[in-house]
Structures are given as structure tokens and as C-alpha cells.
Protein backbone atom coordinates (compact mmCIF):
# COMPACT_ATOMS: atom_id res chain seq x y z
CA MET A 1 215.43 60.56 32.56
CA GLN A 2 213.96 59.09 29.35
CA GLN A 3 214.07 62.49 27.60
CA PHE A 4 217.73 62.94 28.58
CA LEU A 5 218.53 59.48 27.22
CA GLU A 6 216.93 60.38 23.91
CA PHE A 7 219.08 63.52 23.52
CA PHE A 8 222.25 62.23 25.19
CA SER A 9 224.19 61.60 21.97
CA ILE A 10 223.22 64.93 20.38
CA ILE A 11 224.15 66.83 23.54
CA ALA A 12 227.51 65.02 23.73
CA PHE A 13 228.11 65.79 20.03
CA ALA A 14 227.40 69.51 20.53
CA ILE A 15 229.47 69.81 23.71
CA VAL A 16 232.52 68.22 22.09
CA PHE A 17 232.14 70.27 18.92
CA PHE A 18 231.84 73.61 20.74
CA ALA A 19 234.71 72.71 23.09
CA THR A 20 237.10 71.64 20.30
CA LYS A 21 235.64 72.95 16.99
CA ASP A 22 236.57 69.51 15.63
CA ILE A 23 233.62 68.01 13.75
CA PHE A 24 235.41 64.67 13.36
CA LEU A 25 236.05 64.29 17.08
CA ALA A 26 232.44 65.32 17.75
CA THR A 27 231.27 62.72 15.23
CA ALA A 28 233.35 60.01 16.93
CA VAL A 29 231.84 61.02 20.28
CA LEU A 30 228.36 60.89 18.72
CA LEU A 31 228.97 57.32 17.55
CA VAL A 32 230.28 56.24 20.96
CA ALA A 33 227.42 58.03 22.75
CA ILE A 34 224.64 56.57 20.62
CA THR A 35 226.18 53.10 20.91
CA ALA A 36 226.33 53.54 24.70
CA GLN A 37 222.74 54.80 24.69
CA VAL A 38 221.50 51.76 22.78
CA GLY A 39 223.61 49.45 24.95
CA PHE A 40 222.21 50.99 28.14
CA ILE A 41 218.65 50.54 26.91
CA LYS A 42 219.32 46.90 26.02
CA VAL A 43 221.15 46.11 29.30
CA THR A 44 218.39 47.66 31.41
CA GLY A 45 215.79 45.56 29.64
CA ARG A 46 213.96 48.46 28.06
CA ILE A 47 212.48 48.20 24.61
CA LEU A 48 214.52 49.80 21.83
CA SER A 49 212.10 51.87 19.75
CA LYS A 50 212.05 51.58 15.98
CA GLU A 51 212.84 55.28 15.80
CA LEU A 52 215.99 54.88 17.89
CA LYS A 53 217.03 51.83 15.86
CA LEU A 54 216.78 53.91 12.69
CA ILE A 55 218.69 56.82 14.23
CA PHE A 56 221.34 54.41 15.53
CA TRP A 57 221.98 52.75 12.16
CA VAL A 58 221.88 55.98 10.14
CA SER A 59 224.26 57.56 12.67
CA LEU A 60 226.68 54.64 12.44
CA ILE A 61 226.61 54.63 8.63
CA MET A 62 226.75 58.40 8.03
CA GLY A 63 229.14 58.99 10.93
CA GLY A 64 231.35 56.12 9.84
CA ILE A 65 231.56 57.48 6.29
CA THR A 66 232.31 60.95 7.72
CA LEU A 67 235.25 59.59 9.70
CA LEU A 68 236.47 57.28 6.96
CA LEU A 69 236.46 59.93 4.22
CA ARG A 70 237.15 62.88 6.54
CA ASP A 71 234.16 64.67 5.00
CA GLU A 72 231.68 66.34 7.36
CA THR A 73 228.99 66.44 4.67
CA PHE A 74 227.82 62.93 5.55
CA ILE A 75 227.19 63.61 9.24
CA GLN A 76 225.44 66.84 8.30
CA TRP A 77 223.08 64.92 5.98
CA LYS A 78 222.17 62.47 8.79
CA THR A 79 219.40 64.69 10.18
CA SER A 80 217.81 64.96 6.73
CA VAL A 81 218.09 61.23 6.04
CA VAL A 82 216.46 60.34 9.38
CA ASN A 83 213.63 62.85 8.95
CA TRP A 84 212.98 61.77 5.37
CA ALA A 85 212.90 58.12 6.50
CA PHE A 86 210.27 59.04 9.11
CA ALA A 87 208.30 60.95 6.45
CA LEU A 88 208.47 58.05 4.01
CA GLY A 89 207.45 55.59 6.73
CA LEU A 90 204.38 57.61 7.67
CA PHE A 91 203.45 58.40 4.07
CA GLY A 92 204.08 54.89 2.77
CA ALA A 93 202.18 53.12 5.55
CA GLN A 94 199.20 55.42 5.05
CA LEU A 95 199.21 55.36 1.25
CA PHE A 96 200.06 51.73 0.54
CA ALA A 97 199.05 49.80 3.67
CA ARG A 98 196.18 52.12 4.63
CA THR A 99 197.62 52.16 8.14
CA SER A 100 198.06 55.29 10.22
CA LEU A 101 201.22 54.90 12.26
CA LEU A 102 200.18 57.97 14.26
CA LYS A 103 196.96 56.22 15.23
CA LYS A 104 199.01 53.24 16.44
CA VAL A 105 201.08 55.56 18.62
CA LEU A 106 198.43 58.04 19.77
CA GLY A 107 195.22 56.02 19.36
CA ALA A 108 195.03 55.14 23.05
CA ALA A 109 194.99 58.84 23.92
CA LEU A 110 192.78 60.23 21.15
CA THR A 111 189.57 59.05 19.56
CA LEU A 112 189.53 60.42 16.02
CA GLN A 113 187.89 59.53 12.76
CA ASP A 114 190.09 57.74 10.24
CA SER A 115 189.94 60.77 7.94
CA VAL A 116 191.44 62.93 10.71
CA TRP A 117 194.18 60.35 11.39
CA ARG A 118 194.94 60.38 7.66
CA ILE A 119 195.25 64.19 7.61
CA LEU A 120 197.48 64.13 10.69
CA THR A 121 199.64 61.40 9.20
CA TYR A 122 200.18 63.29 5.95
CA GLY A 123 200.76 66.47 7.95
CA TRP A 124 203.46 64.86 10.06
CA ALA A 125 205.02 63.28 6.97
CA ALA A 126 205.20 66.76 5.43
CA ALA A 127 206.62 68.13 8.69
CA PHE A 128 209.42 65.55 8.81
CA ALA A 129 210.21 66.14 5.13
CA THR A 130 210.33 69.89 5.78
CA THR A 131 212.71 69.42 8.71
CA GLY A 132 215.01 67.45 6.41
CA PHE A 133 215.03 70.27 3.87
CA VAL A 134 215.53 72.95 6.54
CA ASN A 135 218.56 70.99 7.78
CA LEU A 136 220.09 71.11 4.29
CA TRP A 137 219.32 74.81 3.95
CA VAL A 138 221.08 75.57 7.23
CA MET A 139 223.95 73.23 6.31
CA TYR A 140 224.64 74.84 2.95
CA ASN A 141 224.02 78.47 3.93
CA TYR A 142 225.58 78.86 7.35
CA THR A 143 228.72 78.03 9.28
CA MET A 144 229.38 74.72 10.98
CA GLU A 145 228.75 76.40 14.36
CA VAL A 146 225.28 77.52 13.24
CA TRP A 147 224.53 74.06 11.84
CA VAL A 148 225.56 72.30 15.08
CA THR A 149 223.36 74.73 17.04
CA PHE A 150 220.52 73.96 14.65
CA LYS A 151 221.13 70.21 15.05
CA LEU A 152 220.93 70.63 18.82
CA ILE A 153 217.72 72.67 19.02
CA GLY A 154 216.26 73.06 15.51
CA PRO A 155 214.49 69.72 14.99
CA LEU A 156 213.11 69.81 18.54
CA ALA A 157 211.85 73.38 18.07
CA LEU A 158 210.28 72.45 14.73
CA ASN A 159 208.58 69.42 16.33
CA VAL A 160 207.12 71.66 19.03
CA LEU A 161 205.81 73.96 16.28
CA TYR A 162 204.27 70.96 14.49
CA ILE A 163 202.62 69.83 17.74
CA VAL A 164 201.13 73.31 18.23
CA ILE A 165 199.79 73.20 14.66
CA MET A 166 198.35 69.72 15.23
CA VAL A 167 196.67 70.73 18.50
CA ALA A 168 195.26 73.89 16.87
CA TYR A 169 193.87 71.79 14.02
CA LEU A 170 192.34 69.27 16.42
CA ALA A 171 190.83 72.08 18.50
CA ARG A 172 189.43 73.77 15.39
CA ILE A 173 187.63 70.61 14.24
CA GLY A 174 186.38 69.89 17.77
CA ALA A 175 188.44 66.73 18.28
CA LEU A 176 189.81 67.84 21.65
CA ASN A 177 186.64 67.20 23.58
CA GLU A 178 185.77 65.79 27.00
CA ASP A 179 185.86 62.16 25.78
CA ASN A 180 189.48 62.49 24.62
CA ALA A 181 190.49 64.19 27.88
CA VAL A 182 189.02 61.28 29.87
CA ARG A 183 190.82 58.74 27.66
CA GLN A 184 194.13 60.59 28.16
CA GLU A 185 193.69 60.45 31.95
CA ASP A 186 192.84 56.73 31.76
CA ALA A 187 195.94 56.10 29.61
CA LYS A 188 198.16 57.94 32.13
CA GLU A 189 196.72 55.96 35.05
CA SER A 190 197.21 52.64 33.25
CA GLN A 191 200.89 53.47 32.74
CA LEU A 192 201.38 53.92 36.47
């Protein structure tokens, strides 16, 4: 259910676009859907993640400008802006505050040296930055239909690729050992 909630607005956007071929109607539906998504999370008492807050505000701003100026370029740039914001957040926290945001998120599941967390943080920052650039490449080199398809599955597919790379790296350096497996099981049990 949580995964569906996270992709609800993108799925609604794609369905409306492919049904009507109207990017402006799809953008309006995206704005309504993400507002409903955030509202549902708030009403049900769940915590609104910082990531979703960022996506919500960037969607409202870029989508609003798209509708106001009747220029689809702004909604197409949204994916890049969000990914670059994630990259800057990871990179900036690590470089300036000496804080690994990945460690804050995944630290309960993995026991890693700070140097490994730093490598992973910079790796994910590079991955998010790359996704932003790939979005622009698709946007400027392909049709709107191809771009909407990319928006629907591209970032998710790239994230899966980045996870595979991260797991391969962790396995190569021996960080995926018995102790981490036990901690992951303990973390799952504590969530239940």
C-alpha cells in the first residue's frame, strides 16, 4: 500500500497523458493527485517524509508554472530538479556537515565504517545527479510519449540499478556479513 501511495501521482499523470495526449491535463491531474496523496498521509496521521515534501513543493511550483505559461518544459524539468536536490542534500550534508544522510536512513540495518558510508553517500549523490541529466537527455531527444514513459519507469529502474551497484560494492568489500544480516532481521522484528 505504501509503495502504491508513493507512485500514485506519477501513475495518475501517465494514465491521463496516454489516454488524452494532453500534457497540461496530465499536469493538472498530477497536482491534484500529489495534493491528495499528501492530504491522505496527513489525515491518516502518518509522517510526511522530507523527500515527499520536496517532491510535493517542486511539483506544485513546476506544475503551476507549466499550467500558467502553457509550457510543458517546466513539468519535464521537475524530475531533474528533484533528483539534483537529493544529490545536493546528500553531497552537502556529507561535505559540509560531515553527516551521512544514508547512514541516518540505513544505519539501523547496516554496520559500516564511516569511510564506507562516505563512499556510498557520494555514490548516491552521483546517481541522483545522473538521473537528473538522463531525464534532460530523454526530454530533449525524444517525443513526449517517450519522456512520459521514462518518467513512469526510468527513475525507478535507475534506482534499482544503483541498488544493485551498491550491494555489489558492499559484497566486494565484505560488508554484507553475518552481523549485518542479524541486524536487518532485528530491525524488521522491531518494526512489527
